[in-house]
N, C-alpha and C. Protein backbone atom coordinates (compact mmCIF):
# COMPACT_ATOMS: atom_id res chain seq x y z
N MET A 1 1.97 171.89 15.22
CA MET A 1 2.48 173.23 14.97
C MET A 1 3.42 173.25 13.77
N GLN A 2 4.19 172.17 13.57
CA GLN A 2 5.11 172.15 12.43
C GLN A 2 4.36 172.17 11.10
N ALA A 3 3.23 171.48 11.03
CA ALA A 3 2.43 171.50 9.80
C ALA A 3 1.95 172.92 9.52
N ALA A 4 1.53 173.64 10.55
CA ALA A 4 1.09 175.03 10.38
C ALA A 4 2.25 175.90 9.88
N ARG A 5 3.44 175.70 10.41
CA ARG A 5 4.62 176.46 9.96
C ARG A 5 4.90 176.20 8.48
N LEU A 6 4.82 174.95 8.07
CA LEU A 6 5.03 174.62 6.66
C LEU A 6 3.94 175.23 5.79
N ALA A 7 2.70 175.13 6.23
CA ALA A 7 1.58 175.64 5.44
C ALA A 7 1.68 177.15 5.23
N LYS A 8 2.07 177.89 6.25
CA LYS A 8 2.11 179.35 6.17
C LYS A 8 3.10 179.87 5.14
N ARG A 9 4.04 179.03 4.73
CA ARG A 9 5.06 179.45 3.75
C ARG A 9 4.67 179.10 2.32
N GLN A 10 3.57 178.41 2.13
CA GLN A 10 3.20 177.94 0.80
C GLN A 10 2.51 179.04 -0.01
N PRO A 11 2.86 179.18 -1.28
CA PRO A 11 2.22 180.20 -2.11
C PRO A 11 0.70 180.08 -2.14
N PHE A 12 0.17 178.85 -2.16
CA PHE A 12 -1.29 178.71 -2.20
C PHE A 12 -1.93 179.23 -0.93
N PHE A 13 -1.23 179.18 0.20
CA PHE A 13 -1.75 179.75 1.44
C PHE A 13 -1.57 181.27 1.44
N LEU A 14 -0.41 181.74 1.06
CA LEU A 14 -0.15 183.17 1.08
C LEU A 14 -1.08 183.94 0.16
N ARG A 15 -1.40 183.39 -1.00
CA ARG A 15 -2.28 184.05 -1.98
C ARG A 15 -3.75 183.97 -1.60
N ALA A 16 -4.13 182.97 -0.85
CA ALA A 16 -5.55 182.74 -0.55
C ALA A 16 -6.13 183.84 0.33
N GLU A 17 -7.31 184.30 -0.06
CA GLU A 17 -8.04 185.26 0.77
C GLU A 17 -9.14 184.58 1.57
N ARG A 18 -9.76 183.56 0.98
CA ARG A 18 -10.81 182.79 1.65
C ARG A 18 -10.34 181.36 1.80
N ILE A 19 -10.23 180.94 3.06
CA ILE A 19 -9.70 179.60 3.35
C ILE A 19 -10.71 178.81 4.17
N ALA A 20 -11.03 177.62 3.70
CA ALA A 20 -11.91 176.72 4.44
C ALA A 20 -11.06 175.78 5.29
N PHE A 21 -11.38 175.72 6.55
CA PHE A 21 -10.72 174.83 7.50
C PHE A 21 -11.72 173.76 7.93
N TYR A 22 -11.39 172.99 8.93
CA TYR A 22 -12.30 172.04 9.55
C TYR A 22 -11.98 172.00 11.03
N LEU A 23 -12.87 171.51 11.83
CA LEU A 23 -12.61 171.32 13.25
C LEU A 23 -12.20 169.86 13.44
N ALA A 24 -11.02 169.66 14.00
CA ALA A 24 -10.47 168.30 14.14
C ALA A 24 -11.32 167.45 15.08
N SER A 25 -11.42 166.18 14.73
CA SER A 25 -12.07 165.19 15.60
C SER A 25 -11.42 163.83 15.32
N ASP A 26 -11.63 162.91 16.20
CA ASP A 26 -11.15 161.54 16.01
C ASP A 26 -9.65 161.47 15.71
N GLY A 27 -8.85 162.30 16.35
CA GLY A 27 -7.40 162.23 16.19
C GLY A 27 -6.85 162.90 14.94
N GLU A 28 -7.68 163.65 14.21
CA GLU A 28 -7.21 164.35 13.01
C GLU A 28 -6.20 165.44 13.40
N LEU A 29 -5.32 165.76 12.46
CA LEU A 29 -4.38 166.86 12.67
C LEU A 29 -5.18 168.15 12.81
N ASP A 30 -4.95 168.87 13.89
CA ASP A 30 -5.74 170.05 14.21
C ASP A 30 -5.26 171.28 13.43
N PRO A 31 -6.11 171.86 12.58
CA PRO A 31 -5.71 173.04 11.82
C PRO A 31 -5.92 174.36 12.58
N LEU A 32 -6.35 174.31 13.84
CA LEU A 32 -6.64 175.53 14.59
C LEU A 32 -5.44 176.48 14.69
N PRO A 33 -4.20 176.00 14.92
CA PRO A 33 -3.08 176.95 14.92
C PRO A 33 -2.93 177.69 13.58
N LEU A 34 -3.15 177.00 12.48
CA LEU A 34 -3.07 177.64 11.17
C LEU A 34 -4.24 178.60 10.97
N LEU A 35 -5.41 178.22 11.43
CA LEU A 35 -6.58 179.10 11.33
C LEU A 35 -6.34 180.39 12.10
N ARG A 36 -5.78 180.29 13.29
CA ARG A 36 -5.49 181.50 14.08
C ARG A 36 -4.50 182.41 13.34
N SER A 37 -3.50 181.82 12.72
CA SER A 37 -2.55 182.61 11.93
C SER A 37 -3.25 183.29 10.76
N ALA A 38 -4.14 182.56 10.11
CA ALA A 38 -4.87 183.12 8.97
C ALA A 38 -5.73 184.30 9.40
N VAL A 39 -6.39 184.18 10.55
CA VAL A 39 -7.18 185.30 11.07
C VAL A 39 -6.28 186.50 11.31
N ALA A 40 -5.12 186.28 11.93
CA ALA A 40 -4.18 187.37 12.21
C ALA A 40 -3.67 188.02 10.93
N MET A 41 -3.63 187.27 9.84
CA MET A 41 -3.18 187.80 8.55
C MET A 41 -4.31 188.49 7.79
N GLY A 42 -5.51 188.52 8.35
CA GLY A 42 -6.64 189.18 7.72
C GLY A 42 -7.37 188.33 6.69
N LYS A 43 -7.13 187.04 6.71
CA LYS A 43 -7.80 186.16 5.76
C LYS A 43 -9.20 185.81 6.28
N GLN A 44 -10.10 185.56 5.36
CA GLN A 44 -11.45 185.15 5.72
C GLN A 44 -11.43 183.63 5.95
N CYS A 45 -11.77 183.21 7.15
CA CYS A 45 -11.72 181.80 7.51
C CYS A 45 -13.14 181.24 7.55
N LEU A 46 -13.26 180.02 7.05
CA LEU A 46 -14.57 179.38 6.90
C LEU A 46 -14.52 177.97 7.46
N LEU A 47 -15.69 177.47 7.82
CA LEU A 47 -15.83 176.07 8.20
C LEU A 47 -16.93 175.46 7.35
N PRO A 48 -16.85 174.16 7.10
CA PRO A 48 -17.91 173.51 6.32
C PRO A 48 -19.20 173.42 7.12
N VAL A 49 -20.29 173.56 6.40
CA VAL A 49 -21.62 173.33 6.98
C VAL A 49 -22.39 172.45 6.00
N LEU A 50 -23.29 171.66 6.52
CA LEU A 50 -24.09 170.81 5.65
C LEU A 50 -24.97 171.69 4.77
N HIS A 51 -25.06 171.33 3.51
CA HIS A 51 -25.88 172.09 2.57
C HIS A 51 -27.28 172.23 3.14
N PRO A 52 -27.84 173.44 3.15
CA PRO A 52 -29.14 173.64 3.80
C PRO A 52 -30.29 172.84 3.19
N LEU A 53 -30.15 172.42 1.95
CA LEU A 53 -31.22 171.64 1.32
C LEU A 53 -30.90 170.15 1.27
N GLY A 54 -29.89 169.73 2.02
CA GLY A 54 -29.49 168.32 1.98
C GLY A 54 -28.46 168.11 0.90
N HIS A 55 -28.74 167.27 -0.05
CA HIS A 55 -27.87 167.00 -1.19
C HIS A 55 -26.52 166.36 -0.83
N ARG A 56 -26.27 166.11 0.45
CA ARG A 56 -25.01 165.50 0.89
C ARG A 56 -23.80 166.24 0.33
N ARG A 57 -23.88 167.55 0.35
CA ARG A 57 -22.78 168.42 -0.07
C ARG A 57 -22.53 169.44 1.03
N LEU A 58 -21.42 170.16 0.88
CA LEU A 58 -21.04 171.18 1.87
C LEU A 58 -21.14 172.58 1.27
N TRP A 59 -21.45 173.52 2.14
CA TRP A 59 -21.27 174.94 1.86
C TRP A 59 -20.35 175.41 2.96
N PHE A 60 -20.03 176.67 2.97
CA PHE A 60 -19.05 177.15 3.94
C PHE A 60 -19.53 178.45 4.57
N ALA A 61 -19.26 178.57 5.89
CA ALA A 61 -19.68 179.75 6.65
C ALA A 61 -18.47 180.36 7.34
N ARG A 62 -18.45 181.68 7.42
CA ARG A 62 -17.36 182.39 8.10
C ARG A 62 -17.33 182.01 9.57
N TRP A 63 -16.11 181.95 10.12
CA TRP A 63 -15.96 181.62 11.53
C TRP A 63 -14.60 182.08 12.04
N LYS A 64 -14.56 182.55 13.28
CA LYS A 64 -13.32 182.88 13.98
C LYS A 64 -13.35 182.15 15.32
N PRO A 65 -12.17 181.77 15.83
CA PRO A 65 -12.14 181.11 17.13
C PRO A 65 -12.88 181.94 18.18
N GLY A 66 -13.68 181.27 18.99
CA GLY A 66 -14.45 181.93 20.04
C GLY A 66 -15.88 182.22 19.64
N GLU A 67 -16.17 182.24 18.33
CA GLU A 67 -17.55 182.46 17.91
C GLU A 67 -18.36 181.19 18.17
N PRO A 68 -19.66 181.34 18.39
CA PRO A 68 -20.47 180.17 18.76
C PRO A 68 -20.58 179.14 17.64
N LEU A 69 -20.71 177.92 18.06
CA LEU A 69 -20.93 176.78 17.16
C LEU A 69 -22.21 176.08 17.61
N ARG A 70 -22.81 175.34 16.70
CA ARG A 70 -23.97 174.53 17.05
C ARG A 70 -23.84 173.18 16.34
N PRO A 71 -24.37 172.13 16.93
CA PRO A 71 -24.25 170.82 16.28
C PRO A 71 -25.18 170.71 15.07
N ASN A 72 -24.65 170.11 13.99
CA ASN A 72 -25.51 169.85 12.83
C ASN A 72 -26.29 168.55 13.08
N ARG A 73 -26.96 168.05 12.07
CA ARG A 73 -27.80 166.86 12.27
C ARG A 73 -27.01 165.61 12.63
N TYR A 74 -25.68 165.63 12.42
CA TYR A 74 -24.82 164.50 12.82
C TYR A 74 -24.10 164.76 14.14
N GLY A 75 -24.38 165.91 14.76
CA GLY A 75 -23.73 166.26 16.02
C GLY A 75 -22.38 166.92 15.83
N ILE A 76 -21.99 167.25 14.59
CA ILE A 76 -20.71 167.90 14.30
C ILE A 76 -20.88 169.41 14.46
N PRO A 77 -20.00 170.06 15.23
CA PRO A 77 -20.14 171.51 15.42
C PRO A 77 -19.96 172.29 14.11
N GLU A 78 -20.88 173.25 13.91
CA GLU A 78 -20.82 174.15 12.75
C GLU A 78 -21.00 175.58 13.25
N PRO A 79 -20.51 176.55 12.48
CA PRO A 79 -20.79 177.94 12.85
C PRO A 79 -22.30 178.19 12.77
N ARG A 80 -22.76 179.15 13.56
CA ARG A 80 -24.15 179.60 13.41
C ARG A 80 -24.17 180.42 12.13
N TRP A 81 -25.12 180.13 11.27
CA TRP A 81 -25.13 180.80 9.97
C TRP A 81 -26.54 181.12 9.53
N GLU A 82 -26.59 182.07 8.63
CA GLU A 82 -27.83 182.38 7.94
C GLU A 82 -27.58 182.07 6.48
N ARG A 83 -28.60 181.64 5.80
CA ARG A 83 -28.45 181.21 4.41
C ARG A 83 -27.75 182.28 3.56
N SER A 84 -28.04 183.54 3.80
CA SER A 84 -27.43 184.61 3.00
C SER A 84 -25.93 184.74 3.25
N GLY A 85 -25.45 184.19 4.36
CA GLY A 85 -24.02 184.29 4.68
C GLY A 85 -23.19 183.10 4.25
N LEU A 86 -23.81 182.10 3.60
CA LEU A 86 -23.08 180.92 3.17
C LEU A 86 -22.33 181.19 1.88
N LEU A 87 -21.16 180.60 1.76
CA LEU A 87 -20.38 180.72 0.54
C LEU A 87 -20.39 179.41 -0.23
N SER A 88 -20.47 179.52 -1.51
CA SER A 88 -20.39 178.37 -2.40
C SER A 88 -18.95 177.85 -2.39
N PRO A 89 -18.76 176.56 -2.59
CA PRO A 89 -17.40 176.01 -2.68
C PRO A 89 -16.57 176.67 -3.78
N ARG A 90 -17.21 177.16 -4.82
CA ARG A 90 -16.49 177.80 -5.93
C ARG A 90 -15.93 179.17 -5.55
N ALA A 91 -16.39 179.75 -4.44
CA ALA A 91 -15.97 181.08 -4.03
C ALA A 91 -14.77 181.05 -3.08
N ILE A 92 -14.22 179.88 -2.86
CA ILE A 92 -13.13 179.72 -1.89
C ILE A 92 -11.81 179.57 -2.64
N ASP A 93 -10.72 180.05 -2.05
CA ASP A 93 -9.40 179.96 -2.67
C ASP A 93 -8.65 178.69 -2.26
N LEU A 94 -8.82 178.27 -1.02
CA LEU A 94 -8.07 177.14 -0.48
C LEU A 94 -8.97 176.37 0.48
N VAL A 95 -8.96 175.04 0.34
CA VAL A 95 -9.74 174.18 1.24
C VAL A 95 -8.78 173.19 1.89
N LEU A 96 -8.66 173.28 3.21
CA LEU A 96 -7.90 172.27 3.96
C LEU A 96 -8.87 171.15 4.32
N MET A 97 -8.50 169.93 3.95
CA MET A 97 -9.41 168.80 4.11
C MET A 97 -8.85 167.76 5.07
N PRO A 98 -9.70 167.28 5.96
CA PRO A 98 -9.26 166.18 6.82
C PRO A 98 -9.22 164.89 6.02
N LEU A 99 -8.50 163.93 6.51
CA LEU A 99 -8.45 162.65 5.82
C LEU A 99 -8.03 161.54 6.77
N VAL A 100 -8.33 160.34 6.35
CA VAL A 100 -7.93 159.15 7.11
C VAL A 100 -6.57 158.67 6.60
N ALA A 101 -6.38 158.73 5.27
CA ALA A 101 -5.13 158.29 4.66
C ALA A 101 -4.95 159.02 3.34
N PHE A 102 -3.68 159.08 2.89
CA PHE A 102 -3.36 159.68 1.60
C PHE A 102 -2.21 158.90 0.99
N ASP A 103 -2.07 159.02 -0.34
CA ASP A 103 -0.90 158.43 -0.99
C ASP A 103 -0.12 159.54 -1.69
N HIS A 104 1.00 159.19 -2.27
CA HIS A 104 1.88 160.20 -2.88
C HIS A 104 1.40 160.67 -4.25
N ARG A 105 0.24 160.17 -4.69
CA ARG A 105 -0.39 160.69 -5.90
C ARG A 105 -1.50 161.67 -5.52
N CYS A 106 -1.57 161.99 -4.22
CA CYS A 106 -2.56 162.91 -3.65
C CYS A 106 -3.98 162.38 -3.72
N HIS A 107 -4.12 161.08 -3.64
CA HIS A 107 -5.45 160.52 -3.46
C HIS A 107 -5.70 160.49 -1.97
N ARG A 108 -6.95 160.66 -1.60
CA ARG A 108 -7.32 160.78 -0.20
C ARG A 108 -8.42 159.80 0.14
N MET A 109 -8.32 159.27 1.33
CA MET A 109 -9.41 158.46 1.87
C MET A 109 -10.00 159.27 3.01
N GLY A 110 -11.29 159.59 2.90
CA GLY A 110 -11.97 160.34 3.95
C GLY A 110 -12.67 159.40 4.90
N MET A 111 -13.65 159.94 5.59
CA MET A 111 -14.39 159.16 6.58
C MET A 111 -15.45 158.27 5.94
N GLY A 112 -15.65 158.41 4.64
CA GLY A 112 -16.54 157.48 3.95
C GLY A 112 -17.88 158.00 3.51
N ALA A 113 -18.28 159.19 3.94
CA ALA A 113 -19.60 159.69 3.56
C ALA A 113 -19.58 160.41 2.20
N GLY A 114 -18.41 160.81 1.71
CA GLY A 114 -18.29 161.40 0.38
C GLY A 114 -18.69 162.85 0.26
N TYR A 115 -18.84 163.56 1.36
CA TYR A 115 -19.27 164.97 1.29
C TYR A 115 -18.29 165.82 0.49
N TYR A 116 -17.00 165.71 0.76
CA TYR A 116 -16.03 166.54 0.02
C TYR A 116 -15.99 166.14 -1.46
N ASP A 117 -16.05 164.87 -1.77
CA ASP A 117 -16.04 164.44 -3.18
C ASP A 117 -17.26 164.98 -3.92
N ARG A 118 -18.44 164.90 -3.33
CA ARG A 118 -19.63 165.44 -4.00
C ARG A 118 -19.56 166.96 -4.10
N THR A 119 -19.04 167.61 -3.08
CA THR A 119 -18.96 169.07 -3.08
C THR A 119 -18.04 169.58 -4.19
N PHE A 120 -16.95 168.87 -4.44
CA PHE A 120 -15.97 169.34 -5.43
C PHE A 120 -15.96 168.49 -6.70
N ALA A 121 -17.00 167.72 -6.94
CA ALA A 121 -17.07 166.88 -8.14
C ALA A 121 -16.98 167.70 -9.42
N TRP A 122 -17.45 168.92 -9.40
CA TRP A 122 -17.39 169.78 -10.59
C TRP A 122 -15.96 169.97 -11.08
N ARG A 123 -14.99 169.84 -10.20
CA ARG A 123 -13.58 169.96 -10.64
C ARG A 123 -13.19 168.84 -11.60
N MET A 124 -13.80 167.70 -11.47
CA MET A 124 -13.48 166.57 -12.35
C MET A 124 -14.03 166.83 -13.76
N ARG A 125 -15.14 167.54 -13.84
CA ARG A 125 -15.76 167.84 -15.13
C ARG A 125 -15.20 169.10 -15.77
N SER A 126 -14.53 169.93 -14.98
CA SER A 126 -14.01 171.21 -15.47
C SER A 126 -12.53 171.33 -15.10
N PRO A 127 -11.66 170.55 -15.75
CA PRO A 127 -10.25 170.54 -15.34
C PRO A 127 -9.53 171.88 -15.54
N THR A 128 -10.07 172.77 -16.35
CA THR A 128 -9.40 174.06 -16.54
C THR A 128 -9.87 175.11 -15.54
N TRP A 129 -10.90 174.80 -14.77
CA TRP A 129 -11.38 175.74 -13.77
C TRP A 129 -10.31 175.97 -12.72
N ARG A 130 -10.04 177.20 -12.41
CA ARG A 130 -9.00 177.54 -11.44
C ARG A 130 -9.61 177.72 -10.06
N GLY A 131 -10.42 176.78 -9.65
CA GLY A 131 -11.12 176.85 -8.39
C GLY A 131 -10.21 176.67 -7.20
N PRO A 132 -10.78 176.37 -6.06
CA PRO A 132 -9.97 176.30 -4.85
C PRO A 132 -8.89 175.23 -4.93
N SER A 133 -7.78 175.51 -4.28
CA SER A 133 -6.76 174.48 -4.09
C SER A 133 -7.29 173.55 -3.01
N LEU A 134 -7.26 172.25 -3.26
CA LEU A 134 -7.70 171.25 -2.30
C LEU A 134 -6.47 170.63 -1.67
N VAL A 135 -6.31 170.82 -0.38
CA VAL A 135 -5.10 170.41 0.31
C VAL A 135 -5.46 169.54 1.51
N GLY A 136 -4.93 168.32 1.52
CA GLY A 136 -5.10 167.45 2.67
C GLY A 136 -4.21 167.92 3.80
N TYR A 137 -4.68 167.77 5.02
CA TYR A 137 -3.93 168.20 6.21
C TYR A 137 -3.91 167.00 7.13
N ALA A 138 -2.73 166.40 7.30
CA ALA A 138 -2.68 165.10 7.98
C ALA A 138 -1.33 164.86 8.62
N TYR A 139 -1.27 163.86 9.45
CA TYR A 139 -0.01 163.40 10.01
C TYR A 139 0.72 162.57 8.96
N ALA A 140 2.04 162.63 8.95
CA ALA A 140 2.83 161.86 7.99
C ALA A 140 2.52 160.37 8.09
N LEU A 141 2.25 159.87 9.28
CA LEU A 141 1.98 158.44 9.44
C LEU A 141 0.69 158.00 8.78
N GLN A 142 -0.11 158.95 8.29
CA GLN A 142 -1.33 158.60 7.56
C GLN A 142 -1.05 158.32 6.08
N GLY A 143 0.19 158.53 5.67
CA GLY A 143 0.56 158.23 4.30
C GLY A 143 0.64 156.73 4.07
N VAL A 144 0.11 156.30 2.92
CA VAL A 144 0.14 154.88 2.55
C VAL A 144 0.72 154.77 1.14
N THR A 145 1.07 153.56 0.74
CA THR A 145 1.67 153.34 -0.57
C THR A 145 0.72 153.71 -1.69
N ALA A 146 -0.51 153.25 -1.63
CA ALA A 146 -1.48 153.55 -2.69
C ALA A 146 -2.89 153.42 -2.13
N ILE A 147 -3.77 154.22 -2.68
CA ILE A 147 -5.19 154.17 -2.34
C ILE A 147 -5.94 153.78 -3.60
N ASP A 148 -6.78 152.77 -3.47
CA ASP A 148 -7.63 152.40 -4.60
C ASP A 148 -8.68 153.49 -4.77
N THR A 149 -8.77 154.03 -5.96
CA THR A 149 -9.69 155.14 -6.20
C THR A 149 -10.89 154.71 -7.03
N GLN A 150 -11.90 155.50 -6.94
CA GLN A 150 -13.12 155.33 -7.72
C GLN A 150 -13.23 156.52 -8.67
N PRO A 151 -14.00 156.43 -9.72
CA PRO A 151 -14.11 157.54 -10.68
C PRO A 151 -14.60 158.84 -10.05
N TRP A 152 -15.33 158.77 -8.96
CA TRP A 152 -15.87 159.98 -8.33
C TRP A 152 -14.92 160.59 -7.30
N ASP A 153 -13.80 159.95 -7.01
CA ASP A 153 -12.85 160.48 -6.03
C ASP A 153 -12.12 161.70 -6.59
N VAL A 154 -12.23 162.81 -5.91
CA VAL A 154 -11.58 164.05 -6.34
C VAL A 154 -10.18 164.10 -5.74
N PRO A 155 -9.15 164.15 -6.58
CA PRO A 155 -7.78 164.19 -6.04
C PRO A 155 -7.44 165.54 -5.42
N LEU A 156 -6.49 165.52 -4.54
CA LEU A 156 -5.99 166.73 -3.90
C LEU A 156 -4.94 167.39 -4.78
N ASP A 157 -4.69 168.66 -4.51
CA ASP A 157 -3.60 169.38 -5.17
C ASP A 157 -2.30 169.25 -4.38
N ALA A 158 -2.43 169.02 -3.07
CA ALA A 158 -1.27 168.90 -2.20
C ALA A 158 -1.70 168.25 -0.89
N VAL A 159 -0.71 167.79 -0.14
CA VAL A 159 -0.93 167.29 1.22
C VAL A 159 0.13 167.93 2.10
N ILE A 160 -0.30 168.44 3.24
CA ILE A 160 0.63 169.01 4.22
C ILE A 160 0.63 168.12 5.45
N THR A 161 1.84 167.74 5.87
CA THR A 161 2.00 166.99 7.11
C THR A 161 2.97 167.77 7.99
N GLU A 162 3.26 167.24 9.15
CA GLU A 162 4.25 167.89 10.02
C GLU A 162 5.67 167.75 9.47
N ARG A 163 5.86 166.92 8.44
CA ARG A 163 7.19 166.69 7.88
C ARG A 163 7.42 167.31 6.51
N GLU A 164 6.34 167.43 5.71
CA GLU A 164 6.55 167.86 4.33
C GLU A 164 5.29 168.43 3.70
N VAL A 165 5.51 169.06 2.57
CA VAL A 165 4.41 169.48 1.71
C VAL A 165 4.56 168.68 0.43
N LEU A 166 3.59 167.84 0.17
CA LEU A 166 3.58 166.99 -1.02
C LEU A 166 2.70 167.68 -2.06
N ARG A 167 3.30 168.07 -3.16
CA ARG A 167 2.55 168.74 -4.23
C ARG A 167 2.25 167.73 -5.34
N CYS A 168 1.05 167.82 -5.86
CA CYS A 168 0.66 166.95 -6.95
C CYS A 168 0.18 167.81 -8.10
N LYS A 169 0.07 167.21 -9.26
CA LYS A 169 -0.36 167.86 -10.50
C LYS A 169 0.74 168.68 -11.11
C-alpha cells in the first residue's frame, strides 16, 4: 500500500491517462491497489497481452478489477480482448513493470523472456520519442548494487518501492 501511496503523488502518474499495469505473481509487488485508485480517478487501465501474431512482444488491453480474465498460452491471466480493442505500446502514457531486481541506474532484471525489452526496444532507437514512462514496481529489497546489462536492455525511467521513488535520466 505504501508503494501505491508514493506512486499516486508522482507527476508521471497524475498526468497519465492510459496506464499499463500487470497482475502480480511469484511474490511480485502487487499493483492492484494502485490500479483501483487509477480506475477511481477515471484513468484507462490496461494489462499486457501477448501479441496476437506472436513476435514475443506485448500489446495492451483495457481491464478493470472484476472483469473476466483468461489464460494465455503460458497460463498467465489476460483480459478477454478483441484485436480491434488492443492498444499499441506507443499509445500508453505510463507502464508499470514487474521485475526481479533493479539497480540505482534504473536497470531492470525481468523474468528472462525479454517481452518488455522487445516491446519497448524502439525507445532505444528513438531517444527523443516522448513515449510511455517505464516504471519498475518492486520491493526495496529487490534493489541490488549493479545489474550487468546487454545492448538490448531497455532502461527504466523510474522505480517505485514501498520506501522511495527512484528517478533516472
